Amino acid sequence: MAVLEIEQNDGIALVRLNRPEARNALNPELIVALAACWEKLGMDDDIRVVVLSGAAGSTFCAGFDLSSFIPLFTGARAPADDWDHAIVNDPGLPGRATLRDFDLGKPLIVAANGHAMAGGMEMLLAGDLRVVATGARLGLPEVKLGLIPAMGGTARLPRLVSPALAAEMLLTGNPIEADAALAAGLVNYVVSAGKVEAVALELAATIAANAPLAVKAARKVMRQGGDLSEAEALALESAETAILVGTEDAREGPRAFMEKRPPVFKGR
């Protein structure tokens, strides 16, 4: 059974973690597969939106596998197979697999159909939109294990929620419920577990129908603008607009509107 399932349809890639017997925890094999998957999808211009989900069960992703990856990471055990050796030979793989050190360059919707803990929560934070199951718990419990969230959690969480909530989650290690995450503005939708993937795919279809270059530019300004002054962010916005106005898609959109027909965007 493959530890990662990938489906592609109409410009949307659905990536599903597939280790339900281990709460979709990230073992070396899954880490290697994810890192390769993101690189491939990032380079594929036919893919306009990516949805990340997990195999059905109580947990979207429990984080890094405590029985296989963590002992390897800390040096408590020696490499035992090709996946282990890949991790040892390329220490950057976990960071790319969890999207700490790799940007897809296109929208990522995380469909957390269950609990998202530790590394699973960090992948949730790496998304652009988040759909979460009712009753799911979201947390970064690393301090309870003598560690800190090292795959982007400590850096990203304070940018997405209030300083008070970020401090409480990071310093206590206690999770919050999906409804509290919604109230805090951390997630976009909270729905029943059985509907999470469908809602995420519906959002993806809406985004995929838009002009891909415009979506990419909006995402770029949105993500980079938060680290810039207002003047710098406005300058970036103007620069991206100047590029877009010369594209075929920017001509097609208004033309289709005037002709009362759906636009046909080609990404150029």
Protein backbone atom coordinates (compact mmCIF):
# COMPACT_ATOMS: atom_id res chain seq x y z
CA MET A 1 0.00 0.00 0.00
CA ALA A 2 1.39 3.38 -1.00
CA VAL A 3 1.97 5.75 1.91
CA LEU A 4 0.97 8.69 -0.28
CA GLU A 5 -1.90 8.86 -2.79
CA ILE A 6 -2.00 11.51 -5.52
CA GLU A 7 -4.97 12.23 -7.78
CA GLN A 8 -5.02 14.89 -10.50
CA ASN A 9 -8.10 16.25 -12.21
CA ASP A 10 -9.05 19.55 -13.86
CA GLY A 11 -6.01 21.43 -12.65
CA ILE A 12 -6.34 20.17 -9.06
CA ALA A 13 -3.99 17.75 -7.32
CA LEU A 14 -5.35 15.87 -4.32
CA VAL A 15 -2.55 14.58 -2.11
CA ARG A 16 -3.63 12.15 0.61
CA LEU A 17 -1.48 10.89 3.48
CA ASN A 18 -2.10 7.16 3.62
CA ARG A 19 -0.88 5.64 6.88
CA PRO A 20 -4.19 5.33 8.76
CA GLU A 21 -2.83 2.53 10.92
CA ALA A 22 -0.30 5.04 12.32
CA ARG A 23 -2.58 8.10 12.38
CA ASN A 24 -0.91 9.23 9.15
CA ALA A 25 2.30 9.91 11.04
CA LEU A 26 5.34 10.97 9.04
CA ASN A 27 7.79 8.07 8.86
CA PRO A 28 10.91 8.19 6.65
CA GLU A 29 9.12 6.65 3.65
CA LEU A 30 6.30 9.20 3.79
CA ILE A 31 8.75 12.07 4.29
CA VAL A 32 10.70 11.10 1.17
CA ALA A 33 7.47 10.67 -0.81
CA LEU A 34 6.08 14.05 0.26
CA ALA A 35 9.28 15.93 -0.56
CA ALA A 36 9.31 14.41 -4.06
CA CYS A 37 5.59 15.06 -4.50
CA TRP A 38 5.83 18.78 -3.68
CA GLU A 39 8.74 19.26 -6.04
CA LYS A 40 6.89 17.54 -8.88
CA LEU A 41 3.64 19.43 -8.35
CA GLY A 42 5.43 22.74 -7.95
CA MET A 43 6.95 22.37 -11.42
CA ASP A 44 3.73 21.18 -13.09
CA ASP A 45 2.04 24.19 -14.70
CA ASP A 46 -1.08 22.12 -15.38
CA ILE A 47 -1.71 21.94 -11.63
CA ARG A 48 -3.28 25.16 -10.40
CA VAL A 49 -4.30 24.19 -6.85
CA VAL A 50 -3.19 21.48 -4.42
CA VAL A 51 -5.34 19.91 -1.70
CA LEU A 52 -3.66 18.00 1.14
CA SER A 53 -5.79 15.50 3.03
CA GLY A 54 -5.37 12.37 5.11
CA ALA A 55 -6.72 8.84 4.94
CA ALA A 56 -9.99 8.46 6.81
CA GLY A 57 -9.66 8.12 10.55
CA SER A 58 -9.52 10.20 13.72
CA THR A 59 -6.31 11.98 12.76
CA PHE A 60 -5.29 14.02 9.73
CA CYS A 61 -1.64 13.73 10.77
CA ALA A 62 -0.09 12.99 14.14
CA GLY A 63 3.25 14.55 13.19
CA PHE A 64 6.55 12.75 12.92
CA ASP A 65 6.50 9.04 13.73
CA LEU A 66 7.89 8.64 17.25
CA SER A 67 8.86 5.02 16.64
CA SER A 68 10.79 5.44 13.39
CA PHE A 69 11.70 9.02 12.44
CA ILE A 70 12.39 10.61 15.83
CA PRO A 71 14.95 7.96 16.96
CA LEU A 72 16.65 8.29 13.57
CA PHE A 73 16.58 12.10 13.83
CA THR A 74 18.12 12.09 17.31
CA GLY A 75 20.70 9.41 16.45
CA ALA A 76 19.14 6.86 18.81
CA ARG A 77 19.07 4.30 16.01
CA ALA A 78 21.04 3.63 12.84
CA PRO A 79 19.53 3.71 9.33
CA ALA A 80 17.81 0.42 8.49
CA ASP A 81 16.54 0.86 4.90
CA ASP A 82 16.69 3.10 1.84
CA TRP A 83 14.22 5.60 3.31
CA ASP A 84 16.31 5.95 6.46
CA HIS A 85 19.48 6.42 4.45
CA ALA A 86 17.78 9.08 2.32
CA ILE A 87 16.90 11.04 5.48
CA VAL A 88 20.40 10.74 6.88
CA ASN A 89 22.03 11.71 3.59
CA ASP A 90 19.70 14.67 3.03
CA PRO A 91 18.77 16.33 6.35
CA GLY A 92 16.69 18.88 4.42
CA LEU A 93 14.05 16.30 3.46
CA PRO A 94 11.81 16.78 6.54
CA GLY A 95 11.76 20.55 6.01
CA ARG A 96 10.74 20.16 2.39
CA ALA A 97 8.21 17.41 3.13
CA THR A 98 6.38 19.60 5.68
CA LEU A 99 6.67 22.68 3.43
CA ARG A 100 8.87 24.50 5.93
CA ASP A 101 11.59 24.96 3.33
CA PHE A 102 9.66 24.58 0.09
CA ASP A 103 7.04 26.82 -1.47
CA LEU A 104 4.70 25.23 -3.98
CA GLY A 105 4.22 28.60 -5.70
CA LYS A 106 0.50 27.84 -6.00
CA PRO A 107 -2.41 27.67 -3.54
CA LEU A 108 -2.43 24.85 -1.02
CA ILE A 109 -5.68 23.94 0.74
CA VAL A 110 -5.23 21.72 3.78
CA ALA A 111 -8.22 19.45 4.41
CA ALA A 112 -7.69 18.25 7.98
CA ASN A 113 -10.28 15.49 8.36
CA GLY A 114 -9.13 14.81 11.93
CA HIS A 115 -6.66 15.90 14.58
CA ALA A 116 -3.57 17.82 13.38
CA MET A 117 -0.74 17.56 15.85
CA ALA A 118 2.95 18.54 15.82
CA GLY A 119 4.26 18.14 12.26
CA GLY A 120 0.68 17.65 11.06
CA MET A 121 -0.24 21.02 12.55
CA GLU A 122 2.80 22.56 10.91
CA MET A 123 1.65 21.36 7.51
CA LEU A 124 -1.76 22.86 8.31
CA LEU A 125 -0.05 26.19 9.03
CA ALA A 126 1.80 25.99 5.69
CA GLY A 127 -1.49 26.02 3.78
CA ASP A 128 -3.18 29.04 2.26
CA LEU A 129 -6.69 27.88 3.19
CA ARG A 130 -7.73 25.39 5.87
CA VAL A 131 -10.81 23.19 6.17
CA VAL A 132 -11.00 21.28 9.44
CA ALA A 133 -13.26 18.57 10.81
CA THR A 134 -15.67 19.30 13.63
CA GLY A 135 -14.16 18.18 16.91
CA ALA A 136 -10.62 18.01 15.56
CA ARG A 137 -7.85 19.14 17.89
CA LEU A 138 -5.01 21.26 16.56
CA GLY A 139 -1.81 21.48 18.53
CA LEU A 140 1.94 21.81 18.80
CA PRO A 141 2.89 19.65 21.81
CA GLU A 142 6.65 19.56 21.18
CA VAL A 143 7.62 21.27 24.46
CA LYS A 144 6.09 18.31 26.29
CA LEU A 145 8.73 16.14 24.56
CA GLY A 146 11.73 18.40 25.18
CA LEU A 147 11.59 19.94 21.71
CA ILE A 148 10.07 22.91 19.92
CA PRO A 149 8.05 22.91 16.68
CA ALA A 150 10.95 22.91 14.22
CA MET A 151 9.04 22.62 10.94
CA GLY A 152 7.72 26.18 10.92
CA GLY A 153 5.34 26.07 13.88
CA THR A 154 7.08 28.60 16.09
CA ALA A 155 7.58 30.98 13.15
CA ARG A 156 4.18 30.69 11.46
CA LEU A 157 1.67 30.37 14.28
CA PRO A 158 2.32 33.88 15.70
CA ARG A 159 1.73 35.30 12.21
CA LEU A 160 -1.67 33.65 11.93
CA VAL A 161 -3.24 34.10 15.38
CA SER A 162 -3.02 36.61 18.21
CA PRO A 163 0.21 36.77 20.24
CA ALA A 164 -1.70 35.60 23.31
CA LEU A 165 -3.06 32.47 21.65
CA ALA A 166 0.25 31.68 19.95
CA ALA A 167 2.11 31.95 23.26
CA GLU A 168 -0.39 29.74 25.05
CA MET A 169 -0.27 27.02 22.40
CA LEU A 170 3.50 27.05 21.99
CA LEU A 171 4.42 27.27 25.68
CA THR A 172 1.83 24.91 27.15
CA GLY A 173 1.76 22.48 24.25
CA ASN A 174 -2.01 22.20 24.72
CA PRO A 175 -4.21 21.89 21.60
CA ILE A 176 -7.27 23.92 20.68
CA GLU A 177 -10.55 22.64 19.26
CA ALA A 178 -11.57 23.26 15.66
CA ASP A 179 -14.31 25.73 16.67
CA ALA A 180 -11.81 27.78 18.67
CA ALA A 181 -9.44 27.79 15.70
CA LEU A 182 -12.29 29.07 13.51
CA ALA A 183 -13.10 31.83 15.99
CA ALA A 184 -9.41 32.78 16.08
CA GLY A 185 -9.32 33.09 12.30
CA LEU A 186 -6.85 30.23 11.94
CA VAL A 187 -9.09 28.08 9.73
CA ASN A 188 -11.60 28.92 7.00
CA TYR A 189 -14.27 26.27 7.54
CA VAL A 190 -15.22 23.68 10.15
CA VAL A 191 -17.41 20.89 8.76
CA SER A 192 -18.10 17.24 9.50
CA ALA A 193 -15.19 14.92 8.87
CA GLY A 194 -16.93 13.28 5.92
CA LYS A 195 -17.34 16.62 4.15
CA VAL A 196 -13.87 18.10 4.72
CA GLU A 197 -12.33 16.81 1.50
CA ALA A 198 -15.38 17.74 -0.59
CA VAL A 199 -15.44 21.31 0.76
CA ALA A 200 -11.72 21.67 0.12
CA LEU A 201 -12.10 20.40 -3.43
CA GLU A 202 -14.98 22.81 -4.04
CA LEU A 203 -12.74 25.69 -2.94
CA ALA A 204 -9.98 24.32 -5.15
CA ALA A 205 -12.30 24.20 -8.18
CA THR A 206 -13.27 27.84 -7.63
CA ILE A 207 -9.61 28.88 -7.46
CA ALA A 208 -8.59 26.70 -10.41
CA ALA A 209 -11.23 28.42 -12.57
CA ASN A 210 -9.56 31.79 -12.01
CA ALA A 211 -6.64 33.16 -14.01
CA PRO A 212 -3.61 31.19 -12.76
CA LEU A 213 -1.11 34.02 -13.18
CA ALA A 214 -3.38 36.37 -11.25
CA VAL A 215 -3.87 33.81 -8.49
CA LYS A 216 -0.12 33.27 -8.27
CA ALA A 217 0.52 37.02 -8.11
CA ALA A 218 -2.15 37.59 -5.45
CA ARG A 219 -0.69 34.77 -3.36
CA LYS A 220 2.82 36.19 -3.75
CA VAL A 221 1.83 39.67 -2.61
CA MET A 222 -0.27 38.25 0.23
CA ARG A 223 2.53 36.02 1.54
CA GLN A 224 5.44 38.40 1.07
CA GLY A 225 3.58 41.58 1.95
CA GLY A 226 3.27 40.66 5.59
CA ASP A 227 7.02 41.05 6.06
CA LEU A 228 7.20 44.39 4.24
CA SER A 229 6.33 47.95 5.11
CA GLU A 230 3.07 49.24 3.62
CA ALA A 231 4.99 51.18 0.99
CA GLU A 232 7.05 48.13 0.06
CA ALA A 233 3.96 45.92 -0.11
CA LEU A 234 2.22 48.45 -2.36
CA ALA A 235 5.29 48.58 -4.59
CA LEU A 236 5.22 44.78 -4.89
CA GLU A 237 1.51 44.93 -5.70
CA SER A 238 2.18 47.50 -8.43
CA ALA A 239 5.02 45.45 -9.89
CA GLU A 240 2.86 42.31 -10.09
CA THR A 241 0.00 44.31 -11.65
CA ALA A 242 2.33 45.74 -14.30
CA ILE A 243 3.24 42.20 -15.30
CA LEU A 244 -0.33 40.94 -15.35
CA VAL A 245 -1.79 43.70 -17.54
CA GLY A 246 0.35 42.51 -20.43
CA THR A 247 -0.86 38.90 -20.30
CA GLU A 248 -3.36 37.14 -22.54
CA ASP A 249 -5.42 36.20 -19.49
CA ALA A 250 -5.84 39.86 -18.52
CA ARG A 251 -7.34 40.49 -21.96
CA GLU A 252 -9.45 37.33 -21.91
CA GLY A 253 -11.12 38.08 -18.58
CA PRO A 254 -12.76 41.41 -19.53
CA ARG A 255 -13.55 40.11 -23.02
CA ALA A 256 -15.37 37.08 -21.62
CA PHE A 257 -17.26 39.30 -19.18
CA MET A 258 -18.44 41.57 -21.99
CA GLU A 259 -19.42 38.58 -24.14
CA LYS A 260 -21.28 37.00 -21.20
CA ARG A 261 -19.36 33.73 -21.34
CA PRO A 262 -17.00 31.88 -18.98
CA PRO A 263 -13.37 32.96 -19.48
CA VAL A 264 -10.83 30.52 -20.84
CA PHE A 265 -7.60 31.25 -19.00
CA LYS A 266 -4.38 29.76 -20.35
CA GLY A 267 -1.83 30.99 -17.85
CA ARG A 268 -0.08 33.29 -20.24
